[in-house]
Amino acid sequence: MLYENVFILSGQLTEKSATEKFDQFKKVIEESGGKILKKEFWGLRDLAYKIKKNSKGYYYMINTDCKPEVLNGFHVKLKQDENFLRFLNFKIKVLNKEDSSLVDSKKNDN
């Protein structure tokens, strides 16, 4: 099944450590049998309201092809990490291969 997954990591991290942490969690998906089809870095952005004392967060988006069970196990690991502020996953029918308008083109490594 195809999913779009958006993650917000703590703005108190450095960009490098946020990306490293995000890459660790992407690896968990891949090791569980899921495939990362697309990834985007949307940059450090202001939050609409404070979350865990953070007013900013690093936004990342990935499109995955995996079984629902893979994401369920992944959610448990995300909830245990205090640097992940929020995540949203939803099922999609078609993968859009073009970059979204939120991509920070200078820092995206697609």
PDB file of N, CA and C in Angstrom:
ATOM      1  N   MET A   1       0.837  -1.176   0.000  1.00  0.00           N
ATOM      2  CA  MET A   1       0.000   0.000   0.000  1.00  0.00           C
ATOM      3  C   MET A   1       0.882   1.240   0.000  1.00  0.00           C
ATOM      4  N   LEU A   2       0.420   2.261  -0.668  1.00  0.00           N
ATOM      5  CA  LEU A   2       1.157   3.526  -0.728  1.00  0.00           C
ATOM      6  C   LEU A   2       0.705   4.448   0.394  1.00  0.00           C
ATOM      7  N   TYR A   3       1.682   5.080   1.048  1.00  0.00           N
ATOM      8  CA  TYR A   3       1.396   6.026   2.123  1.00  0.00           C
ATOM      9  C   TYR A   3       2.229   7.282   1.941  1.00  0.00           C
ATOM     10  N   GLU A   4       1.681   8.395   2.409  1.00  0.00           N
ATOM     11  CA  GLU A   4       2.457   9.624   2.546  1.00  0.00           C
ATOM     12  C   GLU A   4       2.595   9.869   4.032  1.00  0.00           C
ATOM     13  N   ASN A   5       3.817  10.128   4.475  1.00  0.00           N
ATOM     14  CA  ASN A   5       4.127  10.273   5.889  1.00  0.00           C
ATOM     15  C   ASN A   5       4.828  11.602   6.114  1.00  0.00           C
ATOM     16  N   VAL A   6       4.304  12.418   7.011  1.00  0.00           N
ATOM     17  CA  VAL A   6       4.913  13.713   7.334  1.00  0.00           C
ATOM     18  C   VAL A   6       5.325  13.669   8.805  1.00  0.00           C
ATOM     19  N   PHE A   7       6.544  14.126   9.066  1.00  0.00           N
ATOM     20  CA  PHE A   7       7.109  14.098  10.413  1.00  0.00           C
ATOM     21  C   PHE A   7       7.599  15.483  10.793  1.00  0.00           C
ATOM     22  N   ILE A   8       7.427  15.830  12.061  1.00  0.00           N
ATOM     23  CA  ILE A   8       7.976  17.073  12.594  1.00  0.00           C
ATOM     24  C   ILE A   8       8.915  16.691  13.735  1.00  0.00           C
ATOM     25  N   LEU A   9      10.170  17.092  13.600  1.00  0.00           N
ATOM     26  CA  LEU A   9      11.158  16.855  14.641  1.00  0.00           C
ATOM     27  C   LEU A   9      11.437  18.151  15.380  1.00  0.00           C
ATOM     28  N   SER A  10      11.904  18.045  16.587  1.00  0.00           N
ATOM     29  CA  SER A  10      12.174  19.187  17.455  1.00  0.00           C
ATOM     30  C   SER A  10      13.072  20.222  16.795  1.00  0.00           C
ATOM     31  N   GLY A  11      12.665  21.469  16.868  1.00  0.00           N
ATOM     32  CA  GLY A  11      13.470  22.573  16.371  1.00  0.00           C
ATOM     33  C   GLY A  11      14.664  22.862  17.262  1.00  0.00           C
ATOM     34  N   GLN A  12      14.738  22.210  18.418  1.00  0.00           N
ATOM     35  CA  GLN A  12      15.872  22.393  19.316  1.00  0.00           C
ATOM     36  C   GLN A  12      17.081  21.572  18.874  1.00  0.00           C
ATOM     37  N   LEU A  13      16.866  20.643  17.947  1.00  0.00           N
ATOM     38  CA  LEU A  13      17.966  19.870  17.382  1.00  0.00           C
ATOM     39  C   LEU A  13      18.673  20.706  16.324  1.00  0.00           C
ATOM     40  N   THR A  14      19.911  20.346  16.009  1.00  0.00           N
ATOM     41  CA  THR A  14      20.557  20.951  14.844  1.00  0.00           C
ATOM     42  C   THR A  14      19.965  20.278  13.611  1.00  0.00           C
ATOM     43  N   GLU A  15      20.089  20.931  12.477  1.00  0.00           N
ATOM     44  CA  GLU A  15      19.556  20.332  11.240  1.00  0.00           C
ATOM     45  C   GLU A  15      20.229  18.990  10.964  1.00  0.00           C
ATOM     46  N   LYS A  16      21.517  18.906  11.215  1.00  0.00           N
ATOM     47  CA  LYS A  16      22.254  17.661  10.983  1.00  0.00           C
ATOM     48  C   LYS A  16      21.739  16.536  11.875  1.00  0.00           C
ATOM     49  N   SER A  17      21.555  16.814  13.156  1.00  0.00           N
ATOM     50  CA  SER A  17      21.091  15.755  14.057  1.00  0.00           C
ATOM     51  C   SER A  17      19.631  15.385  13.780  1.00  0.00           C
ATOM     52  N   ALA A  18      18.813  16.346  13.352  1.00  0.00           N
ATOM     53  CA  ALA A  18      17.425  16.031  12.984  1.00  0.00           C
ATOM     54  C   ALA A  18      17.405  15.111  11.766  1.00  0.00           C
ATOM     55  N   THR A  19      18.250  15.409  10.778  1.00  0.00           N
ATOM     56  CA  THR A  19      18.304  14.573   9.579  1.00  0.00           C
ATOM     57  C   THR A  19      18.841  13.183   9.903  1.00  0.00           C
ATOM     58  N   GLU A  20      19.838  13.105  10.769  1.00  0.00           N
ATOM     59  CA  GLU A  20      20.368  11.798  11.174  1.00  0.00           C
ATOM     60  C   GLU A  20      19.297  10.974  11.878  1.00  0.00           C
ATOM     61  N   LYS A  21      18.548  11.617  12.754  1.00  0.00           N
ATOM     62  CA  LYS A  21      17.474  10.921  13.471  1.00  0.00           C
ATOM     63  C   LYS A  21      16.400  10.457  12.494  1.00  0.00           C
ATOM     64  N   PHE A  22      16.036  11.311  11.558  1.00  0.00           N
ATOM     65  CA  PHE A  22      15.048  10.950  10.543  1.00  0.00           C
ATOM     66  C   PHE A  22      15.545   9.772   9.704  1.00  0.00           C
ATOM     67  N   ASP A  23      16.823   9.799   9.324  1.00  0.00           N
ATOM     68  CA  ASP A  23      17.398   8.706   8.532  1.00  0.00           C
ATOM     69  C   ASP A  23      17.377   7.384   9.297  1.00  0.00           C
ATOM     70  N   GLN A  24      17.572   7.432  10.616  1.00  0.00           N
ATOM     71  CA  GLN A  24      17.502   6.221  11.429  1.00  0.00           C
ATOM     72  C   GLN A  24      16.107   5.607  11.364  1.00  0.00           C
ATOM     73  N   PHE A  25      15.092   6.452  11.404  1.00  0.00           N
ATOM     74  CA  PHE A  25      13.737   5.945  11.371  1.00  0.00           C
ATOM     75  C   PHE A  25      13.330   5.478   9.971  1.00  0.00           C
ATOM     76  N   LYS A  26      13.877   6.101   8.942  1.00  0.00           N
ATOM     77  CA  LYS A  26      13.635   5.608   7.580  1.00  0.00           C
ATOM     78  C   LYS A  26      14.206   4.201   7.442  1.00  0.00           C
ATOM     79  N   LYS A  27      15.373   3.996   8.047  1.00  0.00           N
ATOM     80  CA  LYS A  27      16.027   2.686   7.999  1.00  0.00           C
ATOM     81  C   LYS A  27      15.161   1.620   8.666  1.00  0.00           C
ATOM     82  N   VAL A  28      14.473   1.989   9.731  1.00  0.00           N
ATOM     83  CA  VAL A  28      13.569   1.052  10.415  1.00  0.00           C
ATOM     84  C   VAL A  28      12.469   0.585   9.460  1.00  0.00           C
ATOM     85  N   ILE A  29      11.926   1.505   8.687  1.00  0.00           N
ATOM     86  CA  ILE A  29      10.885   1.150   7.720  1.00  0.00           C
ATOM     87  C   ILE A  29      11.446   0.185   6.681  1.00  0.00           C
ATOM     88  N   GLU A  30      12.634   0.497   6.156  1.00  0.00           N
ATOM     89  CA  GLU A  30      13.237  -0.341   5.129  1.00  0.00           C
ATOM     90  C   GLU A  30      13.582  -1.726   5.663  1.00  0.00           C
ATOM     91  N   GLU A  31      14.084  -1.791   6.892  1.00  0.00           N
ATOM     92  CA  GLU A  31      14.437  -3.084   7.479  1.00  0.00           C
ATOM     93  C   GLU A  31      13.207  -3.922   7.807  1.00  0.00           C
ATOM     94  N   SER A  32      12.053  -3.274   7.902  1.00  0.00           N
ATOM     95  CA  SER A  32      10.799  -3.989   8.176  1.00  0.00           C
ATOM     96  C   SER A  32      10.107  -4.431   6.890  1.00  0.00           C
ATOM     97  N   GLY A  33      10.753  -4.216   5.747  1.00  0.00           N
ATOM     98  CA  GLY A  33      10.184  -4.653   4.481  1.00  0.00           C
ATOM     99  C   GLY A  33       9.501  -3.562   3.682  1.00  0.00           C
ATOM    100  N   GLY A  34       9.492  -2.335   4.177  1.00  0.00           N
ATOM    101  CA  GLY A  34       8.894  -1.228   3.443  1.00  0.00           C
ATOM    102  C   GLY A  34       9.886  -0.604   2.481  1.00  0.00           C
ATOM    103  N   LYS A  35       9.370   0.118   1.509  1.00  0.00           N
ATOM    104  CA  LYS A  35      10.220   0.806   0.537  1.00  0.00           C
ATOM    105  C   LYS A  35       9.969   2.310   0.629  1.00  0.00           C
ATOM    106  N   ILE A  36      11.044   3.079   0.623  1.00  0.00           N
ATOM    107  CA  ILE A  36      10.945   4.536   0.577  1.00  0.00           C
ATOM    108  C   ILE A  36      10.954   4.923  -0.905  1.00  0.00           C
ATOM    109  N   LEU A  37       9.872   5.487  -1.382  1.00  0.00           N
ATOM    110  CA  LEU A  37       9.749   5.833  -2.794  1.00  0.00           C
ATOM    111  C   LEU A  37      10.152   7.277  -3.088  1.00  0.00           C
ATOM    112  N   LYS A  38       9.986   8.147  -2.095  1.00  0.00           N
ATOM    113  CA  LYS A  38      10.268   9.568  -2.278  1.00  0.00           C
ATOM    114  C   LYS A  38      10.485  10.185  -0.905  1.00  0.00           C
ATOM    115  N   LYS A  39      11.386  11.174  -0.830  1.00  0.00           N
ATOM    116  CA  LYS A  39      11.575  11.892   0.434  1.00  0.00           C
ATOM    117  C   LYS A  39      11.792  13.366   0.146  1.00  0.00           C
ATOM    118  N   GLU A  40      11.324  14.191   1.063  1.00  0.00           N
ATOM    119  CA  GLU A  40      11.480  15.637   0.938  1.00  0.00           C
ATOM    120  C   GLU A  40      11.797  16.239   2.302  1.00  0.00           C
ATOM    121  N   PHE A  41      12.632  17.252   2.296  1.00  0.00           N
ATOM    122  CA  PHE A  41      12.926  18.037   3.487  1.00  0.00           C
ATOM    123  C   PHE A  41      12.258  19.390   3.290  1.00  0.00           C
ATOM    124  N   TRP A  42      11.369  19.748   4.199  1.00  0.00           N
ATOM    125  CA  TRP A  42      10.625  20.999   4.058  1.00  0.00           C
ATOM    126  C   TRP A  42      11.217  22.122   4.897  1.00  0.00           C
ATOM    127  N   GLY A  43      12.259  21.846   5.640  1.00  0.00           N
ATOM    128  CA  GLY A  43      12.970  22.883   6.370  1.00  0.00           C
ATOM    129  C   GLY A  43      12.481  23.101   7.795  1.00  0.00           C
ATOM    130  N   LEU A  44      13.110  24.065   8.451  1.00  0.00           N
ATOM    131  CA  LEU A  44      12.740  24.475   9.804  1.00  0.00           C
ATOM    132  C   LEU A  44      11.619  25.499   9.680  1.00  0.00           C
ATOM    133  N   ARG A  45      10.490  25.190  10.283  1.00  0.00           N
ATOM    134  CA  ARG A  45       9.309  26.051  10.137  1.00  0.00           C
ATOM    135  C   ARG A  45       8.710  26.352  11.506  1.00  0.00           C
ATOM    136  N   ASP A  46       8.010  27.485  11.566  1.00  0.00           N
ATOM    137  CA  ASP A  46       7.288  27.849  12.786  1.00  0.00           C
ATOM    138  C   ASP A  46       6.100  26.905  12.967  1.00  0.00           C
ATOM    139  N   LEU A  47       5.846  26.537  14.211  1.00  0.00           N
ATOM    140  CA  LEU A  47       4.672  25.736  14.538  1.00  0.00           C
ATOM    141  C   LEU A  47       3.507  26.672  14.853  1.00  0.00           C
ATOM    142  N   ALA A  48       2.302  26.240  14.610  1.00  0.00           N
ATOM    143  CA  ALA A  48       1.125  27.060  14.896  1.00  0.00           C
ATOM    144  C   ALA A  48       0.966  27.283  16.403  1.00  0.00           C
ATOM    145  N   TYR A  49       1.420  26.329  17.191  1.00  0.00           N
ATOM    146  CA  TYR A  49       1.387  26.421  18.651  1.00  0.00           C
ATOM    147  C   TYR A  49       2.547  25.594  19.192  1.00  0.00           C
ATOM    148  N   LYS A  50       2.950  25.866  20.413  1.00  0.00           N
ATOM    149  CA  LYS A  50       4.076  25.145  21.001  1.00  0.00           C
ATOM    150  C   LYS A  50       3.712  23.682  21.227  1.00  0.00           C
ATOM    151  N   ILE A  51       4.665  22.814  20.892  1.00  0.00           N
ATOM    152  CA  ILE A  51       4.535  21.385  21.132  1.00  0.00           C
ATOM    153  C   ILE A  51       5.767  20.961  21.910  1.00  0.00           C
ATOM    154  N   LYS A  52       5.568  20.433  23.096  1.00  0.00           N
ATOM    155  CA  LYS A  52       6.682  20.011  23.956  1.00  0.00           C
ATOM    156  C   LYS A  52       7.728  21.119  24.079  1.00  0.00           C
ATOM    157  N   LYS A  53       7.271  22.341  24.313  1.00  0.00           N
ATOM    158  CA  LYS A  53       8.109  23.528  24.505  1.00  0.00           C
ATOM    159  C   LYS A  53       8.853  23.960  23.243  1.00  0.00           C
ATOM    160  N   ASN A  54       8.452  23.468  22.080  1.00  0.00           N
ATOM    161  CA  ASN A  54       9.067  23.839  20.803  1.00  0.00           C
ATOM    162  C   ASN A  54       8.149  24.789  20.048  1.00  0.00           C
ATOM    163  N   SER A  55       8.712  25.866  19.527  1.00  0.00           N
ATOM    164  CA  SER A  55       7.938  26.773  18.686  1.00  0.00           C
ATOM    165  C   SER A  55       8.305  26.610  17.209  1.00  0.00           C
ATOM    166  N   LYS A  56       9.344  25.806  16.937  1.00  0.00           N
ATOM    167  CA  LYS A  56       9.771  25.498  15.571  1.00  0.00           C
ATOM    168  C   LYS A  56      10.022  24.004  15.459  1.00  0.00           C
ATOM    169  N   GLY A  57       9.946  23.508  14.213  1.00  0.00           N
ATOM    170  CA  GLY A  57      10.211  22.101  13.984  1.00  0.00           C
ATOM    171  C   GLY A  57      10.732  21.862  12.581  1.00  0.00           C
ATOM    172  N   TYR A  58      11.479  20.778  12.422  1.00  0.00           N
ATOM    173  CA  TYR A  58      11.981  20.355  11.114  1.00  0.00           C
ATOM    174  C   TYR A  58      10.938  19.426  10.495  1.00  0.00           C
ATOM    175  N   TYR A  59      10.525  19.756   9.293  1.00  0.00           N
ATOM    176  CA  TYR A  59       9.494  18.988   8.595  1.00  0.00           C
ATOM    177  C   TYR A  59      10.127  18.093   7.539  1.00  0.00           C
ATOM    178  N   TYR A  60       9.718  16.832   7.543  1.00  0.00           N
ATOM    179  CA  TYR A  60      10.161  15.849   6.553  1.00  0.00           C
ATOM    180  C   TYR A  60       8.941  15.115   6.024  1.00  0.00           C
ATOM    181  N   MET A  61       9.009  14.707   4.753  1.00  0.00           N
ATOM    182  CA  MET A  61       7.927  13.928   4.155  1.00  0.00           C
ATOM    183  C   MET A  61       8.543  12.766   3.401  1.00  0.00           C
ATOM    184  N   ILE A  62       7.946  11.587   3.539  1.00  0.00           N
ATOM    185  CA  ILE A  62       8.342  10.445   2.723  1.00  0.00           C
ATOM    186  C   ILE A  62       7.094   9.774   2.178  1.00  0.00           C
ATOM    187  N   ASN A  63       7.242   9.173   1.013  1.00  0.00           N
ATOM    188  CA  ASN A  63       6.214   8.295   0.462  1.00  0.00           C
ATOM    189  C   ASN A  63       6.751   6.882   0.587  1.00  0.00           C
ATOM    190  N   THR A  64       5.928   5.985   1.100  1.00  0.00           N
ATOM    191  CA  THR A  64       6.357   4.616   1.324  1.00  0.00           C
ATOM    192  C   THR A  64       5.411   3.636   0.645  1.00  0.00           C
ATOM    193  N   ASP A  65       5.948   2.478   0.373  1.00  0.00           N
ATOM    194  CA  ASP A  65       5.160   1.342  -0.096  1.00  0.00           C
ATOM    195  C   ASP A  65       5.404   0.246   0.927  1.00  0.00           C
ATOM    196  N   CYS A  66       4.409  -0.007   1.775  1.00  0.00           N
ATOM    197  CA  CYS A  66       4.595  -0.991   2.838  1.00  0.00           C
ATOM    198  C   CYS A  66       3.240  -1.499   3.327  1.00  0.00           C
ATOM    199  N   LYS A  67       3.314  -2.528   4.144  1.00  0.00           N
ATOM    200  CA  LYS A  67       2.108  -3.070   4.761  1.00  0.00           C
ATOM    201  C   LYS A  67       1.729  -2.186   5.951  1.00  0.00           C
ATOM    202  N   PRO A  68       0.447  -2.123   6.289  1.00  0.00           N
ATOM    203  CA  PRO A  68       0.025  -1.308   7.439  1.00  0.00           C
ATOM    204  C   PRO A  68       0.719  -1.700   8.747  1.00  0.00           C
ATOM    205  N   GLU A  69       1.063  -2.967   8.894  1.00  0.00           N
ATOM    206  CA  GLU A  69       1.718  -3.436  10.121  1.00  0.00           C
ATOM    207  C   GLU A  69       3.084  -2.781  10.309  1.00  0.00           C
ATOM    208  N   VAL A  70       3.763  -2.494   9.189  1.00  0.00           N
ATOM    209  CA  VAL A  70       5.078  -1.845   9.272  1.00  0.00           C
ATOM    210  C   VAL A  70       4.927  -0.467   9.904  1.00  0.00           C
ATOM    211  N   LEU A  71       3.920   0.293   9.464  1.00  0.00           N
ATOM    212  CA  LEU A  71       3.704   1.628  10.025  1.00  0.00           C
ATOM    213  C   LEU A  71       3.251   1.569  11.475  1.00  0.00           C
ATOM    214  N   ASN A  72       2.456   0.571  11.833  1.00  0.00           N
ATOM    215  CA  ASN A  72       2.012   0.446  13.223  1.00  0.00           C
ATOM    216  C   ASN A  72       3.201   0.251  14.162  1.00  0.00           C
ATOM    217  N   GLY A  73       4.138  -0.609  13.791  1.00  0.00           N
ATOM    218  CA  GLY A  73       5.342  -0.808  14.598  1.00  0.00           C
ATOM    219  C   GLY A  73       6.215   0.429  14.618  1.00  0.00           C
ATOM    220  N   PHE A  74       6.241   1.124  13.506  1.00  0.00           N
ATOM    221  CA  PHE A  74       7.017   2.342  13.381  1.00  0.00           C
ATOM    222  C   PHE A  74       6.467   3.425  14.308  1.00  0.00           C
ATOM    223  N   HIS A  75       5.149   3.520  14.400  1.00  0.00           N
ATOM    224  CA  HIS A  75       4.522   4.528  15.271  1.00  0.00           C
ATOM    225  C   HIS A  75       4.914   4.337  16.728  1.00  0.00           C
ATOM    226  N   VAL A  76       5.008   3.094  17.161  1.00  0.00           N
ATOM    227  CA  VAL A  76       5.403   2.815  18.541  1.00  0.00           C
ATOM    228  C   VAL A  76       6.788   3.388  18.808  1.00  0.00           C
ATOM    229  N   LYS A  77       7.711   3.198  17.861  1.00  0.00           N
ATOM    230  CA  LYS A  77       9.070   3.713  18.040  1.00  0.00           C
ATOM    231  C   LYS A  77       9.102   5.238  18.025  1.00  0.00           C
ATOM    232  N   LEU A  78       8.291   5.850  17.172  1.00  0.00           N
ATOM    233  CA  LEU A  78       8.251   7.315  17.126  1.00  0.00           C
ATOM    234  C   LEU A  78       7.748   7.900  18.436  1.00  0.00           C
ATOM    235  N   LYS A  79       6.733   7.293  19.005  1.00  0.00           N
ATOM    236  CA  LYS A  79       6.161   7.810  20.253  1.00  0.00           C
ATOM    237  C   LYS A  79       7.148   7.729  21.407  1.00  0.00           C
ATOM    238  N   GLN A  80       8.123   6.848  21.316  1.00  0.00           N
ATOM    239  CA  GLN A  80       9.114   6.699  22.374  1.00  0.00           C
ATOM    240  C   GLN A  80      10.237   7.724  22.280  1.00  0.00           C
ATOM    241  N   ASP A  81      10.335   8.411  21.158  1.00  0.00           N
ATOM    242  CA  ASP A  81      11.403   9.386  20.951  1.00  0.00           C
ATOM    243  C   ASP A  81      10.865  10.796  21.183  1.00  0.00           C
ATOM    244  N   GLU A  82      11.387  11.478  22.170  1.00  0.00           N
ATOM    245  CA  GLU A  82      10.882  12.809  22.540  1.00  0.00           C
ATOM    246  C   GLU A  82      11.177  13.873  21.487  1.00  0.00           C
ATOM    247  N   ASN A  83      12.097  13.607  20.559  1.00  0.00           N
ATOM    248  CA  ASN A  83      12.421  14.584  19.521  1.00  0.00           C
ATOM    249  C   ASN A  83      11.441  14.583  18.355  1.00  0.00           C
ATOM    250  N   PHE A  84      10.619  13.547  18.236  1.00  0.00           N
ATOM    251  CA  PHE A  84       9.555  13.548  17.241  1.00  0.00           C
ATOM    252  C   PHE A  84       8.345  14.222  17.859  1.00  0.00           C
ATOM    253  N   LEU A  85       7.968  15.364  17.314  1.00  0.00           N
ATOM    254  CA  LEU A  85       6.863  16.134  17.886  1.00  0.00           C
ATOM    255  C   LEU A  85       5.513  15.644  17.371  1.00  0.00           C
ATOM    256  N   ARG A  86       5.427  15.408  16.062  1.00  0.00           N
ATOM    257  CA  ARG A  86       4.170  14.978  15.445  1.00  0.00           C
ATOM    258  C   ARG A  86       4.480  14.155  14.205  1.00  0.00           C
ATOM    259  N   PHE A  87       3.545  13.294  13.838  1.00  0.00           N
ATOM    260  CA  PHE A  87       3.635  12.590  12.572  1.00  0.00           C
ATOM    261  C   PHE A  87       2.224  12.340  12.065  1.00  0.00           C
ATOM    262  N   LEU A  88       2.118  12.277  10.764  1.00  0.00           N
ATOM    263  CA  LEU A  88       0.834  12.050  10.110  1.00  0.00           C
ATOM    264  C   LEU A  88       1.065  11.106   8.948  1.00  0.00           C
ATOM    265  N   ASN A  89       0.279  10.049   8.879  1.00  0.00           N
ATOM    266  CA  ASN A  89       0.368   9.088   7.792  1.00  0.00           C
ATOM    267  C   ASN A  89      -1.006   8.958   7.163  1.00  0.00           C
ATOM    268  N   PHE A  90      -1.050   8.959   5.849  1.00  0.00           N
ATOM    269  CA  PHE A  90      -2.321   8.685   5.188  1.00  0.00           C
ATOM    270  C   PHE A  90      -2.077   7.905   3.909  1.00  0.00           C
ATOM    271  N   LYS A  91      -3.058   7.104   3.560  1.00  0.00           N
ATOM    272  CA  LYS A  91      -2.980   6.256   2.388  1.00  0.00           C
ATOM    273  C   LYS A  91      -3.216   7.102   1.145  1.00  0.00           C
ATOM    274  N   ILE A  92      -2.421   6.836   0.099  1.00  0.00           N
ATOM    275  CA  ILE A  92      -2.594   7.526  -1.170  1.00  0.00           C
ATOM    276  C   ILE A  92      -2.808   6.482  -2.266  1.00  0.00           C
ATOM    277  N   LYS A  93      -3.432   6.910  -3.349  1.00  0.00           N
ATOM    278  CA  LYS A  93      -3.681   5.993  -4.461  1.00  0.00           C
ATOM    279  C   LYS A  93      -2.576   6.055  -5.501  1.00  0.00           C
ATOM    280  N   VAL A  94      -2.015   7.263  -5.703  1.00  0.00           N
ATOM    281  CA  VAL A  94      -1.000   7.466  -6.735  1.00  0.00           C
ATOM    282  C   VAL A  94       0.140   8.287  -6.161  1.00  0.00           C
ATOM    283  N   LEU A  95       1.355   7.901  -6.512  1.00  0.00           N
ATOM    284  CA  LEU A  95       2.538   8.631  -6.066  1.00  0.00           C
ATOM    285  C   LEU A  95       2.808   9.786  -7.022  1.00  0.00           C
ATOM    286  N   ASN A  96       2.888  11.005  -6.486  1.00  0.00           N
ATOM    287  CA  ASN A  96       3.261  12.173  -7.277  1.00  0.00           C
ATOM    288  C   ASN A  96       4.777  12.284  -7.224  1.00  0.00           C
ATOM    289  N   LYS A  97       5.435  12.097  -8.347  1.00  0.00           N
ATOM    290  CA  LYS A  97       6.900  12.073  -8.380  1.00  0.00           C
ATOM    291  C   LYS A  97       7.532  13.456  -8.367  1.00  0.00           C
ATOM    292  N   GLU A  98       6.758  14.496  -8.593  1.00  0.00           N
ATOM    293  CA  GLU A  98       7.297  15.849  -8.570  1.00  0.00           C
ATOM    294  C   GLU A  98       7.445  16.338  -7.140  1.00  0.00           C
ATOM    295  N   ASP A  99       8.437  17.219  -6.912  1.00  0.00           N
ATOM    296  CA  ASP A  99       8.610  17.814  -5.587  1.00  0.00           C
ATOM    297  C   ASP A  99       7.416  18.697  -5.251  1.00  0.00           C
ATOM    298  N   SER A 100       7.034  18.695  -3.991  1.00  0.00           N
ATOM    299  CA  SER A 100       5.952  19.567  -3.555  1.00  0.00           C
ATOM    300  C   SER A 100       6.450  21.006  -3.476  1.00  0.00           C
ATOM    301  N   SER A 101       5.542  21.925  -3.328  1.00  0.00           N
ATOM    302  CA  SER A 101       5.911  23.342  -3.258  1.00  0.00           C
ATOM    303  C   SER A 101       6.598  23.696  -1.940  1.00  0.00           C
ATOM    304  N   LEU A 102       6.586  22.801  -0.979  1.00  0.00           N
ATOM    305  CA  LEU A 102       7.209  23.064   0.321  1.00  0.00           C
ATOM    306  C   LEU A 102       8.687  22.695   0.382  1.00  0.00           C
ATOM    307  N   VAL A 103       9.189  22.077  -0.668  1.00  0.00           N
ATOM    308  CA  VAL A 103      10.571  21.599  -0.656  1.00  0.00           C
ATOM    309  C   VAL A 103      11.541  22.756  -0.589  1.00  0.00           C
ATOM    310  N   ASP A 104      12.504  22.612   0.321  1.00  0.00           N
ATOM    311  CA  ASP A 104      13.629  23.545   0.394  1.00  0.00           C
ATOM    312  C   ASP A 104      14.648  23.034  -0.614  1.00  0.00           C
ATOM    313  N   SER A 105      14.597  23.539  -1.833  1.00  0.00           N
ATOM    314  CA  SER A 105      15.367  22.986  -2.948  1.00  0.00           C
ATOM    315  C   SER A 105      16.873  22.974  -2.707  1.00  0.00           C
ATOM    316  N   LYS A 106      17.392  23.855  -1.904  1.00  0.00           N
ATOM    317  CA  LYS A 106      18.825  23.902  -1.634  1.00  0.00           C
ATOM    318  C   LYS A 106      19.269  22.730  -0.755  1.00  0.00           C
ATOM    319  N   LYS A 107      18.342  22.227   0.081  1.00  0.00           N
ATOM    320  CA  LYS A 107      18.748  21.238   1.061  1.00  0.00           C
ATOM    321  C   LYS A 107      18.146  19.868   0.809  1.00  0.00           C
ATOM    322  N   ASN A 108      17.296  19.715  -0.163  1.00  0.00           N
ATOM    323  CA  ASN A 108      16.686  18.422  -0.452  1.00  0.00           C
ATOM    324  C   ASN A 108      17.679  17.576  -1.240  1.00  0.00           C
ATOM    325  N   ASP A 109      17.860  16.330  -0.828  1.00  0.00           N
ATOM    326  CA  ASP A 109      18.854  15.491  -1.502  1.00  0.00           C
ATOM    327  C   ASP A 109      18.218  14.456  -2.419  1.00  0.00           C
ATOM    328  N   ASN A 110      17.037  14.711  -2.956  1.00  0.00           N
ATOM    329  CA  ASN A 110      16.417  13.785  -3.919  1.00  0.00           C
ATOM    330  C   ASN A 110      17.152  13.832  -5.221  1.00  0.00           C
TER     331      ASN A 110
END
